[in-house]
């Protein structure tokens, strides 16, 4: 069954409604937010007045600090409340806005002609559908059509305003200044061909691993053997669940998934047609038929979704799997000169999920963009939504990105504050402290950090730059769970790359897993695909299997992983000792013993993770 996001608590309130708060909607406007248009975008001119926007207003949450306290207590393995996750209702009570905030924002909307709107479950977000002309009046701004160098377009503005008395009640409004594009973190679909072993590659000496793990392609059997899950028999697959996200009109193609499973996990083949597909805000449901010639010609709207479905179903069978496909189009007929994708899908997805009582205990998400393409206030509010998932006992894992410390072009590694200062470019949501961020490795014994120079690939084609995402946030300070390892790593750099990163920021990734040349089926053709988009569903699958063991012993699932991981869980991972962070024209942060901002704490050893969890 497919589900579409519904209007919650829909209101149609007349302006004659009496509020307890005096009317002040006509107080002076002042600028609430300014955000520079990022590089690679150009202004094509004013947006059509009748273009529709799905606008989301983030209201000041009532008591997020208290929710944050609860989150860390229930996620800290040394705390007496560890594993006592919060209920759906309790979280909504903590983040619900104060009545004054609701009254003032309602009054402002109504007096500006906005008479129909809907709430998120906790009433901390308001959704409205509004045309550009009305939005410009509401926010005292001007919208334009901006085009990225790759041809994609967005309707955005560089600044917006509010009546002064509302500044303290509204954290963010989008779409306004966010240029986040939620790119897939996967690279280079490669068809199978004979190819030489690359220079420097060392095959595994362990005979069991060497038998199933080849440099190209890397299979589900290899992952299960390498990380020690192959002999694990699930005990409560009906109670334990896993999900993954699709954006950008990505959707799994069930016949592709079935072909993959028939080759690499035959007993799971039937699940290609039975896994649950949830459609949110116009997202495309999983497709039951092979790709049509028109779909193939139109481009890749299935690669990432197929990769996630194939990896997760192959690793976690017979566990129930949910595919979330989030659209980006408001309900209108678009003008041919303007884009249809005007909302922020991460926010749309997380608000939908927070309104559901039955949610998978682990969710994998392989999309992101440069942190500085997202206004800070908006990034903070989306990150707070992720914290709510953690408090409910849900582990959210995200990919670290495929551009190393900032991509292959040194000229693009500059700040977005108008000063064009040279800097590394952290990614979002990888930089959010409430998610577990996954980097990529390659080779097998030993594994090393993933990096591939541009050049000719196994299929004889030119391949681009690929380096596991690495960095330190400019938006989010270092969380307390990193205090025991990150300052020591920074100190050992002895000043290298000072000024190019934030020494006091949240460092990522937290963990890593294989991320080069995954066996993959696309358009019913065998091939391979690489990226932290591959590492993330792989790691998510292993965490989900660990949850199976916990739930079978009537224990709570892992939930927000990081406090456990940094305190004790890291002992169940293989430390990666070779490699460095690439990008921006340099070889930056080195891989070291212990945590590093390229491989985190390393790759999973599933039997050792289970031993650690037995002591909970």
Protein backbone atom coordinates (compact mmCIF):
# COMPACT_ATOMS: atom_id res chain seq x y z
CA UNK A 1 0.00 0.00 0.00
CA UNK A 2 1.25 3.50 -0.82
CA UNK A 3 0.71 6.45 1.48
CA UNK A 4 0.64 10.11 0.59
CA UNK A 5 1.38 12.82 3.11
CA UNK A 6 -1.90 14.08 4.49
CA UNK A 7 -3.01 17.46 5.73
CA UNK A 8 -2.96 17.41 9.51
CA UNK A 9 -5.18 19.57 11.65
CA UNK A 10 -6.20 21.52 8.52
CA UNK A 11 -7.58 24.93 9.39
CA UNK A 12 -9.74 27.47 7.61
CA UNK A 13 -9.90 30.32 10.12
CA UNK A 14 -11.60 33.62 9.47
CA UNK A 15 -9.87 36.87 10.26
CA UNK A 16 -12.58 37.59 12.81
CA UNK A 17 -11.14 34.85 15.08
CA UNK A 18 -10.41 36.27 18.52
CA UNK A 19 -6.93 35.64 19.93
CA UNK A 20 -5.68 36.27 23.43
CA UNK A 21 -2.65 38.11 22.07
CA UNK A 22 -3.02 41.70 20.79
CA UNK A 23 -2.80 42.06 17.01
CA UNK A 24 0.66 43.19 15.95
CA UNK A 25 0.95 41.79 12.42
CA UNK A 26 1.49 45.28 11.00
CA UNK A 27 4.58 46.03 13.09
CA UNK A 28 7.66 47.04 11.15
CA UNK A 29 9.36 44.40 9.02
CA UNK A 30 13.07 43.79 9.37
CA UNK A 31 15.39 41.30 7.68
CA UNK A 32 15.25 37.87 9.31
CA UNK A 33 17.79 36.04 7.13
CA UNK A 34 20.35 36.74 4.43
CA UNK A 35 22.08 33.89 2.62
CA UNK A 36 24.49 34.36 -0.26
CA UNK A 37 23.63 32.62 -3.51
CA UNK A 38 26.19 29.78 -3.70
CA UNK A 39 28.70 29.42 -6.50
CA UNK A 40 27.59 27.56 -9.60
CA UNK A 41 24.15 29.24 -9.50
CA UNK A 42 23.03 32.13 -11.70
CA UNK A 43 19.94 34.33 -11.54
CA UNK A 44 17.71 33.91 -14.60
CA UNK A 45 15.28 36.64 -13.57
CA UNK A 46 12.15 37.13 -11.53
CA UNK A 47 9.96 34.11 -10.78
CA UNK A 48 6.45 34.14 -12.29
CA UNK A 49 3.94 35.59 -9.84
CA UNK A 50 1.59 32.62 -10.11
CA UNK A 51 4.26 29.96 -9.50
CA UNK A 52 3.18 27.90 -6.48
CA UNK A 53 5.36 27.24 -3.45
CA UNK A 54 4.94 24.65 -0.71
CA UNK A 55 6.09 26.86 2.16
CA UNK A 56 7.11 25.40 5.52
CA UNK A 57 7.34 27.63 8.59
CA UNK A 58 9.48 26.36 11.45
CA UNK A 59 8.06 27.75 14.68
CA UNK A 60 10.16 28.13 17.81
CA UNK A 61 9.96 24.82 19.65
CA UNK A 62 8.74 24.93 23.23
CA UNK A 63 11.41 22.92 25.02
CA UNK A 64 13.99 21.41 22.69
CA UNK A 65 16.68 21.71 25.39
CA UNK A 66 14.70 19.27 27.53
CA UNK A 67 14.31 16.88 24.61
CA UNK A 68 18.06 17.08 24.02
CA UNK A 69 18.68 16.15 27.67
CA UNK A 70 16.35 13.16 27.40
CA UNK A 71 18.00 12.09 24.15
CA UNK A 72 21.48 11.94 25.64
CA UNK A 73 20.31 10.17 28.78
CA UNK A 74 18.52 7.40 26.90
CA UNK A 75 21.46 7.08 24.45
CA UNK A 76 24.29 6.97 27.03
CA UNK A 77 25.19 3.36 27.90
CA UNK A 78 26.34 4.46 31.37
CA UNK A 79 23.10 6.23 32.26
CA UNK A 80 20.39 4.52 34.27
CA UNK A 81 17.82 5.52 31.62
CA UNK A 82 19.75 3.98 28.72
CA UNK A 83 17.38 2.50 26.16
CA UNK A 84 14.25 4.04 27.70
CA UNK A 85 13.28 5.86 24.52
CA UNK A 86 10.60 8.52 24.49
CA UNK A 87 7.09 7.96 23.20
CA UNK A 88 5.59 9.63 20.16
CA UNK A 89 3.33 11.69 22.42
CA UNK A 90 6.06 12.75 24.88
CA UNK A 91 8.27 14.10 22.10
CA UNK A 92 5.40 16.10 20.63
CA UNK A 93 4.73 17.64 24.05
CA UNK A 94 8.36 18.71 24.41
CA UNK A 95 8.70 20.41 21.04
CA UNK A 96 5.22 21.92 20.71
CA UNK A 97 5.39 25.74 20.40
CA UNK A 98 4.02 27.96 23.11
CA UNK A 99 0.46 29.24 22.68
CA UNK A 100 1.75 32.81 22.27
CA UNK A 101 3.84 31.70 19.30
CA UNK A 102 0.88 29.96 17.66
CA UNK A 103 -1.44 32.92 18.23
CA UNK A 104 0.96 35.51 16.84
CA UNK A 105 1.86 33.48 13.76
CA UNK A 106 -1.80 32.65 13.07
CA UNK A 107 -2.77 36.30 13.31
CA UNK A 108 0.03 37.33 10.95
CA UNK A 109 -0.93 34.71 8.36
CA UNK A 110 -4.64 35.54 8.51
CA UNK A 111 -4.19 39.26 8.16
CA UNK A 112 -2.02 38.59 5.12
CA UNK A 113 -4.76 36.56 3.46
CA UNK A 114 -3.43 33.09 4.30
CA UNK A 115 -6.54 31.36 5.61
CA UNK A 116 -5.74 27.69 5.05
CA UNK A 117 -2.73 25.92 6.51
CA UNK A 118 -1.78 22.64 8.15
CA UNK A 119 0.38 21.55 11.04
CA UNK A 120 3.01 18.95 11.68
CA UNK A 121 2.02 16.50 14.41
CA UNK A 122 3.71 18.60 17.13
CA UNK A 123 2.49 21.90 15.59
CA UNK A 124 6.11 23.10 15.33
CA UNK A 125 5.84 23.35 11.54
CA UNK A 126 3.12 25.05 9.51
CA UNK A 127 2.58 24.13 5.86
CA UNK A 128 0.97 26.49 3.37
CA UNK A 129 0.61 26.48 -0.42
CA UNK A 130 1.10 29.97 -1.74
CA UNK A 131 1.89 31.70 -5.02
CA UNK A 132 5.08 33.71 -5.47
CA UNK A 133 3.28 37.06 -5.48
CA UNK A 134 1.65 36.37 -2.11
CA UNK A 135 4.87 34.94 -0.66
CA UNK A 136 6.77 38.08 -1.69
CA UNK A 137 4.22 40.23 0.12
CA UNK A 138 4.20 37.97 3.19
CA UNK A 139 7.99 37.96 3.53
CA UNK A 140 8.82 41.37 2.00
CA UNK A 141 11.13 39.74 -0.54
CA UNK A 142 11.60 39.05 -4.25
CA UNK A 143 11.83 35.52 -5.67
CA UNK A 144 13.87 34.63 -8.74
CA UNK A 145 14.55 31.55 -10.82
CA UNK A 146 18.12 30.33 -10.23
CA UNK A 147 19.86 27.82 -12.44
CA UNK A 148 22.69 25.53 -11.40
CA UNK A 149 25.53 24.90 -13.83
CA UNK A 150 24.15 21.38 -14.35
CA UNK A 151 20.91 22.88 -15.70
CA UNK A 152 18.64 22.29 -12.71
CA UNK A 153 16.59 25.23 -11.45
CA UNK A 154 15.04 26.45 -8.21
CA UNK A 155 12.80 29.35 -7.20
CA UNK A 156 14.61 31.09 -4.35
CA UNK A 157 15.56 34.44 -2.81
CA UNK A 158 18.70 35.65 -1.07
CA UNK A 159 16.96 37.34 1.88
CA UNK A 160 13.58 37.62 3.56
CA UNK A 161 11.95 39.58 6.37
CA UNK A 162 9.37 39.28 9.13
CA UNK A 163 7.54 41.70 11.40
CA UNK A 164 9.98 42.38 14.21
CA UNK A 165 7.81 40.82 16.92
CA UNK A 166 7.86 37.46 15.07
CA UNK A 167 11.65 37.07 14.85
CA UNK A 168 11.79 35.24 18.18
CA UNK A 169 8.85 32.98 17.27
CA UNK A 170 9.86 31.75 13.80
CA UNK A 171 13.20 29.99 13.32
CA UNK A 172 13.11 29.44 9.58
CA UNK A 173 10.90 29.51 6.51
CA UNK A 174 11.56 27.52 3.35
CA UNK A 175 11.73 27.58 0.40
CA UNK A 176 13.47 30.91 0.64
CA UNK A 177 17.26 30.93 0.85
CA UNK A 178 18.18 27.23 0.82
CA UNK A 179 19.99 26.01 -2.27
CA UNK A 180 20.47 22.48 -0.98
CA UNK A 181 20.01 19.98 -3.81
CA UNK A 182 20.04 16.66 -1.88
CA UNK A 183 22.45 15.08 -4.34
CA UNK A 184 22.91 11.32 -4.37
CA UNK A 185 26.26 10.27 -2.90
CA UNK A 186 27.03 7.66 -5.55
CA UNK A 187 29.31 7.73 -8.56
CA UNK A 188 29.99 5.88 -11.78
CA UNK A 189 27.65 3.13 -12.82
CA UNK A 190 29.97 0.61 -14.53
CA UNK A 191 28.91 -2.37 -16.63
CA UNK A 192 30.71 -5.66 -16.05
CA UNK A 193 33.78 -6.26 -18.19
CA UNK A 194 37.07 -8.02 -17.80
CA UNK A 195 39.60 -5.68 -16.28
CA UNK A 196 43.11 -5.79 -14.87
CA UNK A 197 43.79 -5.68 -11.14
CA UNK A 198 44.79 -2.09 -10.32
CA UNK A 199 48.41 -1.35 -9.35
CA UNK A 200 49.08 -1.68 -5.63
CA UNK A 201 46.05 -3.86 -4.92
CA UNK A 202 46.78 -6.61 -2.41
CA UNK A 203 44.35 -9.56 -2.45
CA UNK A 204 43.21 -10.93 0.92
CA UNK A 205 45.43 -13.53 2.58
CA UNK A 206 42.49 -14.96 4.54
CA UNK A 207 41.31 -17.83 2.32
CA UNK A 208 37.65 -17.49 3.33
CA UNK A 209 37.60 -13.79 2.46
CA UNK A 210 39.72 -14.22 -0.67
CA UNK A 211 37.27 -16.78 -2.03
CA UNK A 212 34.32 -14.35 -2.05
CA UNK A 213 35.86 -10.86 -2.11
CA UNK A 214 37.20 -9.63 -5.46
CA UNK A 215 38.19 -6.09 -6.32
CA UNK A 216 35.44 -5.85 -8.96
CA UNK A 217 32.59 -6.33 -8.35
CA UNK A 218 32.15 -6.56 -4.58
CA UNK A 219 29.16 -8.73 -3.70
CA UNK A 220 26.68 -9.23 -0.89
CA UNK A 221 28.39 -12.53 -0.07
CA UNK A 222 31.66 -10.64 0.35
CA UNK A 223 30.10 -8.08 2.70
CA UNK A 224 28.42 -10.76 4.81
CA UNK A 225 31.68 -12.68 5.05
CA UNK A 226 33.99 -9.71 5.56
CA UNK A 227 31.89 -8.19 8.34
CA UNK A 228 30.80 -11.45 9.96
CA UNK A 229 27.02 -11.50 9.47
CA UNK A 230 26.83 -14.50 7.14
CA UNK A 231 26.11 -17.05 9.86
CA UNK A 232 23.75 -14.86 11.89
CA UNK A 233 20.19 -16.19 12.01
CA UNK A 234 17.61 -13.49 12.68
CA UNK A 235 15.26 -14.08 15.57
CA UNK A 236 12.60 -11.33 15.37
CA UNK A 237 12.52 -10.07 11.76
CA UNK A 238 8.84 -9.23 12.05
CA UNK A 239 9.48 -6.88 14.97
CA UNK A 240 12.76 -5.48 13.72
CA UNK A 241 12.60 -3.29 10.60
CA UNK A 242 14.75 -1.11 8.37
CA UNK A 243 14.00 1.68 5.89
CA UNK A 244 15.72 3.90 3.34
CA UNK A 245 15.10 7.27 1.71
CA UNK A 246 14.62 8.25 -1.92
CA UNK A 247 14.61 11.84 -3.17
CA UNK A 248 14.94 13.56 -6.57
CA UNK A 249 12.24 11.32 -8.08
CA UNK A 250 14.44 8.30 -7.34
CA UNK A 251 12.52 5.06 -6.93
CA UNK A 252 13.44 1.36 -6.85
CA UNK A 253 12.67 -0.70 -9.96
CA UNK A 254 11.41 -4.02 -8.63
CA UNK A 255 12.49 -6.19 -11.62
CA UNK A 256 16.05 -4.82 -11.26
CA UNK A 257 16.02 -5.64 -7.56
CA UNK A 258 14.66 -9.13 -8.28
CA UNK A 259 17.41 -9.82 -10.83
CA UNK A 260 20.06 -8.68 -8.37
CA UNK A 261 18.72 -10.87 -5.57
CA UNK A 262 18.35 -13.88 -7.87
CA UNK A 263 22.08 -13.64 -8.55
CA UNK A 264 23.47 -12.67 -5.14
CA UNK A 265 20.84 -13.66 -2.52
CA UNK A 266 18.46 -16.10 -4.24
CA UNK A 267 16.40 -16.92 -1.16
CA UNK A 268 15.42 -13.25 -0.93
CA UNK A 269 14.36 -12.78 -4.55
CA UNK A 270 10.62 -12.71 -3.80
CA UNK A 271 11.07 -9.72 -1.45
CA UNK A 272 11.80 -7.52 -4.47
CA UNK A 273 8.04 -7.46 -5.04
CA UNK A 274 6.90 -7.37 -1.43
CA UNK A 275 8.95 -4.68 0.32
CA UNK A 276 6.83 -1.74 1.42
CA UNK A 277 6.87 1.45 -0.64
CA UNK A 278 5.66 4.70 0.96
CA UNK A 279 4.98 7.73 -1.23
CA UNK A 280 5.29 11.14 0.47
CA UNK A 281 4.27 14.42 -1.13
CA UNK A 282 4.12 13.04 -4.64
CA UNK A 283 7.17 10.77 -4.41
CA UNK A 284 7.27 8.00 -6.98
CA UNK A 285 6.37 4.56 -5.57
CA UNK A 286 8.54 1.55 -6.33
CA UNK A 287 7.99 0.54 -9.96
CA UNK A 288 6.63 -2.93 -10.67
CA UNK A 289 7.73 -3.07 -14.32
CA UNK A 290 11.12 -2.71 -16.02
CA UNK A 291 12.27 0.69 -17.18
CA UNK A 292 10.72 1.91 -20.40
CA UNK A 293 12.93 3.26 -23.22
CA UNK A 294 11.62 6.75 -22.41
CA UNK A 295 12.67 6.40 -18.77
CA UNK A 296 16.12 5.22 -19.75
CA UNK A 297 16.50 8.13 -22.15
CA UNK A 298 15.29 10.62 -19.53
CA UNK A 299 18.15 9.78 -17.20
CA UNK A 300 18.99 7.99 -13.97
CA UNK A 301 16.04 8.20 -11.58
CA UNK A 302 16.61 4.75 -10.15
CA UNK A 303 20.36 4.22 -9.54
CA UNK A 304 20.50 5.30 -5.92
CA UNK A 305 17.14 3.78 -5.01
CA UNK A 306 18.05 0.47 -6.67
CA UNK A 307 21.40 0.44 -4.87
CA UNK A 308 19.76 0.99 -1.48
CA UNK A 309 17.06 -1.62 -2.06
CA UNK A 310 19.49 -4.23 -3.39
CA UNK A 311 22.02 -3.74 -0.60
CA UNK A 312 19.52 -3.67 2.26
CA UNK A 313 17.34 -6.55 1.04
CA UNK A 314 20.46 -8.59 0.29
CA UNK A 315 21.95 -7.95 3.72
CA UNK A 316 18.89 -8.10 5.98
CA UNK A 317 16.60 -10.78 4.52
CA UNK A 318 14.05 -11.78 5.88
CA UNK A 319 13.63 -8.47 7.70
CA UNK A 320 10.78 -6.11 6.62
CA UNK A 321 12.08 -3.19 4.52
CA UNK A 322 10.38 0.16 3.84
CA UNK A 323 11.24 2.44 0.93
CA UNK A 324 10.33 6.13 1.49
CA UNK A 325 10.01 8.15 -1.73
CA UNK A 326 9.65 11.87 -1.05
CA UNK A 327 8.59 14.18 -3.86
CA UNK A 328 9.31 17.83 -4.24
CA UNK A 329 6.43 19.18 -6.26
CA UNK A 330 3.50 21.17 -4.88
CA UNK A 331 0.07 20.36 -6.33
CA UNK A 332 -0.05 22.62 -9.38
CA UNK A 333 0.54 22.58 -13.12
CA UNK A 334 4.01 24.03 -13.59
CA UNK A 335 4.85 26.74 -16.07
CA UNK A 336 7.24 25.43 -18.71
CA UNK A 337 9.78 28.11 -17.78
CA UNK A 338 9.88 27.37 -14.06
CA UNK A 339 10.89 24.38 -11.96
CA UNK A 340 8.52 22.00 -10.27
CA UNK A 341 10.81 21.09 -7.38
CA UNK A 342 10.40 23.89 -4.85
CA UNK A 343 10.32 22.29 -1.42
CA UNK A 344 12.95 20.85 0.89
CA UNK A 345 12.53 17.05 0.80
CA UNK A 346 14.60 16.24 3.90
CA UNK A 347 12.23 18.33 5.98
CA UNK A 348 9.15 16.97 4.24
CA UNK A 349 10.34 13.41 4.90
CA UNK A 350 11.28 13.83 8.55
CA UNK A 351 8.04 15.67 9.40
CA UNK A 352 6.05 12.88 7.76
CA UNK A 353 7.93 10.18 9.64
CA UNK A 354 7.60 12.03 12.94
CA UNK A 355 3.84 11.87 12.43
CA UNK A 356 3.88 8.06 12.17
CA UNK A 357 3.70 5.76 15.18
CA UNK A 358 5.18 2.72 13.42
CA UNK A 359 8.63 3.57 12.03
CA UNK A 360 11.59 1.27 11.22
CA UNK A 361 14.25 1.21 13.94
CA UNK A 362 17.01 2.00 11.40
CA UNK A 363 16.77 4.35 8.40
CA UNK A 364 19.46 4.89 5.77
CA UNK A 365 19.79 8.15 3.82
CA UNK A 366 22.37 8.67 1.06
CA UNK A 367 21.74 12.25 -0.01
CA UNK A 368 23.35 15.56 0.87
CA UNK A 369 25.04 18.74 -0.29
CA UNK A 370 27.63 21.27 0.84
CA UNK A 371 26.71 22.58 4.28
CA UNK A 372 27.02 26.20 3.15
CA UNK A 373 24.29 25.77 0.52
CA UNK A 374 21.84 25.51 3.43
CA UNK A 375 21.05 28.52 5.67
CA UNK A 376 22.30 27.85 9.19
CA UNK A 377 18.92 28.32 10.88
CA UNK A 378 17.29 25.87 8.49
CA UNK A 379 20.07 23.28 8.92
CA UNK A 380 19.73 23.56 12.70
CA UNK A 381 15.98 22.97 12.61
CA UNK A 382 16.25 19.96 10.30
CA UNK A 383 18.96 18.58 12.58
CA UNK A 384 16.65 19.05 15.57
CA UNK A 385 14.02 17.00 13.74
CA UNK A 386 16.60 14.21 13.45
CA UNK A 387 17.16 14.45 17.20
CA UNK A 388 13.47 13.67 17.69
CA UNK A 389 13.92 10.46 15.69
CA UNK A 390 16.82 9.47 17.94
CA UNK A 391 14.79 10.12 21.08
CA UNK A 392 12.17 7.68 19.75
CA UNK A 393 14.81 4.96 19.39
CA UNK A 394 15.41 5.31 15.65
CA UNK A 395 18.95 5.17 14.24
CA UNK A 396 19.41 7.55 11.29
CA UNK A 397 22.54 6.90 9.24
CA UNK A 398 23.67 9.23 6.44
CA UNK A 399 26.47 9.09 3.89
CA UNK A 400 29.50 11.35 4.32
CA UNK A 401 29.68 12.35 0.65
CA UNK A 402 31.97 11.54 -2.25
CA UNK A 403 33.96 14.76 -2.56
CA UNK A 404 36.50 14.29 0.22
CA UNK A 405 37.05 17.63 1.96
CA UNK A 406 35.43 19.68 -0.80
CA UNK A 407 35.49 18.16 -4.27
CA UNK A 408 38.02 17.95 -7.04
CA UNK A 409 38.01 21.64 -8.06
CA UNK A 410 40.20 23.81 -5.79
CA UNK A 411 38.58 26.95 -7.21
CA UNK A 412 35.22 25.85 -5.75
CA UNK A 413 36.62 25.45 -2.22
CA UNK A 414 35.68 28.94 -1.06
CA UNK A 415 33.33 30.32 1.58
CA UNK A 416 29.82 31.44 0.72
CA UNK A 417 29.89 34.60 2.84
CA UNK A 418 30.82 37.05 0.10
CA UNK A 419 34.50 36.97 1.05
CA UNK A 420 35.41 33.90 -1.07
CA UNK A 421 37.88 32.71 1.54
CA UNK A 422 39.63 29.44 0.70
CA UNK A 423 38.18 26.67 2.86
CA UNK A 424 37.27 23.01 3.01
CA UNK A 425 33.56 22.36 2.44
CA UNK A 426 31.74 20.21 5.01
CA UNK A 427 28.53 18.46 3.94
CA UNK A 428 25.00 18.46 5.34
CA UNK A 429 23.31 16.46 6.83
CA UNK A 430 26.60 14.61 7.40
CA UNK A 431 27.61 17.43 9.76
CA UNK A 432 24.50 17.14 11.96
CA UNK A 433 25.50 15.80 15.42
CA UNK A 434 22.24 13.82 15.75
CA UNK A 435 22.96 11.43 12.86
CA UNK A 436 25.57 8.70 12.43
CA UNK A 437 27.66 9.53 9.39
CA UNK A 438 29.21 6.76 7.29
CA UNK A 439 32.37 7.06 5.19
CA UNK A 440 33.75 4.62 2.62
CA UNK A 441 36.58 2.09 2.44
CA UNK A 442 38.02 -0.10 -0.29
CA UNK A 443 40.16 -3.25 -0.57
CA UNK A 444 39.76 -5.96 2.06
CA UNK A 445 42.81 -7.01 4.03
CA UNK A 446 43.50 -4.44 5.17
CA UNK A 447 40.73 -2.02 4.23
CA UNK A 448 41.85 1.52 3.41
CA UNK A 449 39.96 4.78 3.00
CA UNK A 450 38.18 5.03 -0.35
CA UNK A 451 39.87 7.19 -2.95
CA UNK A 452 40.02 6.92 -6.71
CA UNK A 453 41.82 9.37 -8.94
CA UNK A 454 40.21 10.46 -12.19
CA UNK A 455 41.17 8.09 -14.97
CA UNK A 456 40.15 5.09 -16.99
CA UNK A 457 37.91 2.68 -15.09
CA UNK A 458 37.29 -1.08 -15.39
CA UNK A 459 34.84 -0.51 -18.25
CA UNK A 460 37.34 1.49 -20.30
CA UNK A 461 35.54 4.80 -19.69
CA UNK A 462 36.87 7.97 -18.13
CA UNK A 463 35.91 8.08 -14.45
CA UNK A 464 35.78 11.11 -12.21
CA UNK A 465 37.20 11.99 -8.81
CA UNK A 466 35.89 9.98 -5.85
CA UNK A 467 36.98 10.38 -2.23
CA UNK A 468 35.16 9.47 0.97
CA UNK A 469 33.58 12.57 2.50
CA UNK A 470 35.46 14.14 5.40
CA UNK A 471 35.19 17.26 7.47
CA UNK A 472 34.36 19.48 10.41
CA UNK A 473 31.14 21.47 10.57
CA UNK A 474 31.02 25.26 10.53
CA UNK A 475 27.38 25.21 11.72
CA UNK A 476 27.42 22.65 14.56
CA UNK A 477 29.89 22.72 17.47
CA UNK A 478 31.65 19.54 18.49
CA UNK A 479 29.18 17.39 20.48
CA UNK A 480 30.24 16.20 23.91
CA UNK A 481 30.42 12.55 22.82
CA UNK A 482 33.41 13.49 20.61
CA UNK A 483 35.38 15.27 23.34
CA UNK A 484 37.53 12.23 24.16
CA UNK A 485 38.84 11.75 20.59
CA UNK A 486 38.44 14.74 18.29
CA UNK A 487 40.58 17.32 20.19
CA UNK A 488 43.42 14.80 20.33
CA UNK A 489 43.22 14.22 16.58
CA UNK A 490 43.24 17.97 15.89
CA UNK A 491 46.18 18.50 18.23
CA UNK A 492 48.18 15.82 16.43
CA UNK A 493 47.76 17.69 13.16
CA UNK A 494 50.17 20.28 14.63
CA UNK A 495 48.61 23.16 12.79
CA UNK A 496 48.32 21.55 9.37
CA UNK A 497 45.45 23.02 7.35
CA UNK A 498 44.72 25.64 10.00
CA UNK A 499 42.22 28.15 8.70
CA UNK A 500 40.71 25.68 6.25
CA UNK A 501 38.40 23.96 8.73
CA UNK A 502 36.67 24.55 12.06
CA UNK A 503 38.72 22.88 14.80
CA UNK A 504 35.80 23.12 17.21
CA UNK A 505 33.15 21.77 14.82
CA UNK A 506 31.40 18.42 14.75
CA UNK A 507 33.79 16.03 12.99
CA UNK A 508 32.62 13.31 10.64
CA UNK A 509 32.30 10.49 9.63
CA UNK A 510 31.65 8.33 12.68
CA UNK A 511 32.03 4.94 10.95
CA UNK A 512 32.85 3.52 7.54
CA UNK A 513 32.16 0.52 5.32
CA UNK A 514 32.99 -0.75 1.85
CA UNK A 515 32.17 1.79 -0.86
CA UNK A 516 33.82 0.87 -4.17
CA UNK A 517 32.46 -1.20 -7.06
CA UNK A 518 29.35 -2.72 -5.48
CA UNK A 519 27.69 -5.40 -7.60
CA UNK A 520 24.52 -3.77 -8.88
CA UNK A 521 21.71 -4.24 -11.42
CA UNK A 522 20.31 -1.29 -13.38
CA UNK A 523 17.96 -1.50 -16.35
CA UNK A 524 18.18 -5.31 -16.03
CA UNK A 525 21.93 -5.11 -16.70
CA UNK A 526 24.67 -6.30 -14.37
CA UNK A 527 27.09 -3.62 -13.31
CA UNK A 528 28.79 -1.89 -10.43
CA UNK A 529 28.33 1.36 -8.54
CA UNK A 530 30.49 3.21 -6.00
CA UNK A 531 30.15 5.87 -3.31
CA UNK A 532 29.27 6.46 0.30
CA UNK A 533 25.73 5.94 -0.97
CA UNK A 534 26.75 2.29 -0.98
CA UNK A 535 28.52 2.39 2.39
CA UNK A 536 25.53 3.89 4.19
CA UNK A 537 22.90 1.20 3.44
CA UNK A 538 25.54 -1.45 4.10
CA UNK A 539 26.33 -0.08 7.55
CA UNK A 540 22.63 0.52 8.24
CA UNK A 541 21.94 -3.14 7.50
CA UNK A 542 24.54 -4.30 10.01
CA UNK A 543 23.19 -2.00 12.73
CA UNK A 544 19.72 -3.35 12.00
CA UNK A 545 20.94 -6.93 12.44
CA UNK A 546 22.39 -5.90 15.80
CA UNK A 547 18.95 -4.56 16.74
CA UNK A 548 17.49 -7.97 15.95
CA UNK A 549 19.70 -9.49 18.63
CA UNK A 550 18.73 -6.80 21.14
CA UNK A 551 15.00 -7.01 20.51
CA UNK A 552 15.08 -10.80 20.70
CA UNK A 553 16.37 -10.40 24.28
CA UNK A 554 13.62 -7.87 25.06
CA UNK A 555 16.07 -5.00 25.02
CA UNK A 556 15.57 -1.63 23.36
CA UNK A 557 17.06 -1.01 19.90
CA UNK A 558 20.24 1.04 19.67
CA UNK A 559 18.48 4.27 18.70
CA UNK A 560 20.78 7.29 18.48
CA UNK A 561 24.09 5.48 18.06
CA UNK A 562 26.77 8.06 18.70
CA UNK A 563 26.97 8.27 22.51
CA UNK A 564 27.15 4.44 22.65
CA UNK A 565 29.59 4.32 19.75
CA UNK A 566 32.07 6.85 21.13
CA UNK A 567 31.94 5.43 24.67
CA UNK A 568 32.07 1.66 24.09
CA UNK A 569 30.73 0.60 20.68
CA UNK A 570 33.90 1.56 18.82
CA UNK A 571 35.51 -1.60 20.25
CA UNK A 572 33.38 -3.63 17.81
CA UNK A 573 34.92 -1.99 14.73
CA UNK A 574 38.16 -2.54 12.82
CA UNK A 575 40.38 0.53 12.97
CA UNK A 576 41.43 1.67 9.49
CA UNK A 577 45.07 2.76 9.41
CA UNK A 578 45.81 3.79 5.83
CA UNK A 579 44.72 6.67 3.63
CA UNK A 580 43.95 10.36 3.87
CA UNK A 581 41.29 12.87 2.95
CA UNK A 582 41.45 14.17 -0.62
CA UNK A 583 39.89 17.20 -2.25
CA UNK A 584 40.36 20.91 -2.87
CA UNK A 585 43.65 20.06 -4.58
CA UNK A 586 45.35 18.63 -1.48
CA UNK A 587 45.82 15.45 0.52
CA UNK A 588 44.46 16.59 3.84
CA UNK A 589 43.57 14.83 7.10
CA UNK A 590 45.49 11.55 7.50
CA UNK A 591 43.92 8.29 8.61
CA UNK A 592 45.31 7.47 12.07
CA UNK A 593 44.93 4.99 14.88
CA UNK A 594 41.60 5.52 16.59
CA UNK A 595 38.99 7.97 15.31
CA UNK A 596 39.81 10.10 12.29
CA UNK A 597 37.67 12.33 10.04
CA UNK A 598 37.98 10.00 7.04
CA UNK A 599 37.00 6.56 8.33
CA UNK A 600 35.64 7.38 11.80
CA UNK A 601 36.15 4.37 14.07
CA UNK A 602 36.37 2.04 11.09
CA UNK A 603 34.39 -0.90 9.76
CA UNK A 604 32.13 -3.34 11.64
CA UNK A 605 33.04 -6.69 13.16
CA UNK A 606 29.54 -8.01 13.74
CA UNK A 607 30.32 -10.81 16.23
CA UNK A 608 32.26 -8.34 18.39
CA UNK A 609 29.39 -5.83 18.24
CA UNK A 610 27.07 -8.57 19.53
CA UNK A 611 29.46 -9.35 22.39
CA UNK A 612 29.48 -5.69 23.43
CA UNK A 613 25.69 -5.54 23.29
CA UNK A 614 25.35 -8.63 25.47
CA UNK A 615 26.84 -6.57 28.29
CA UNK A 616 24.10 -3.93 28.08
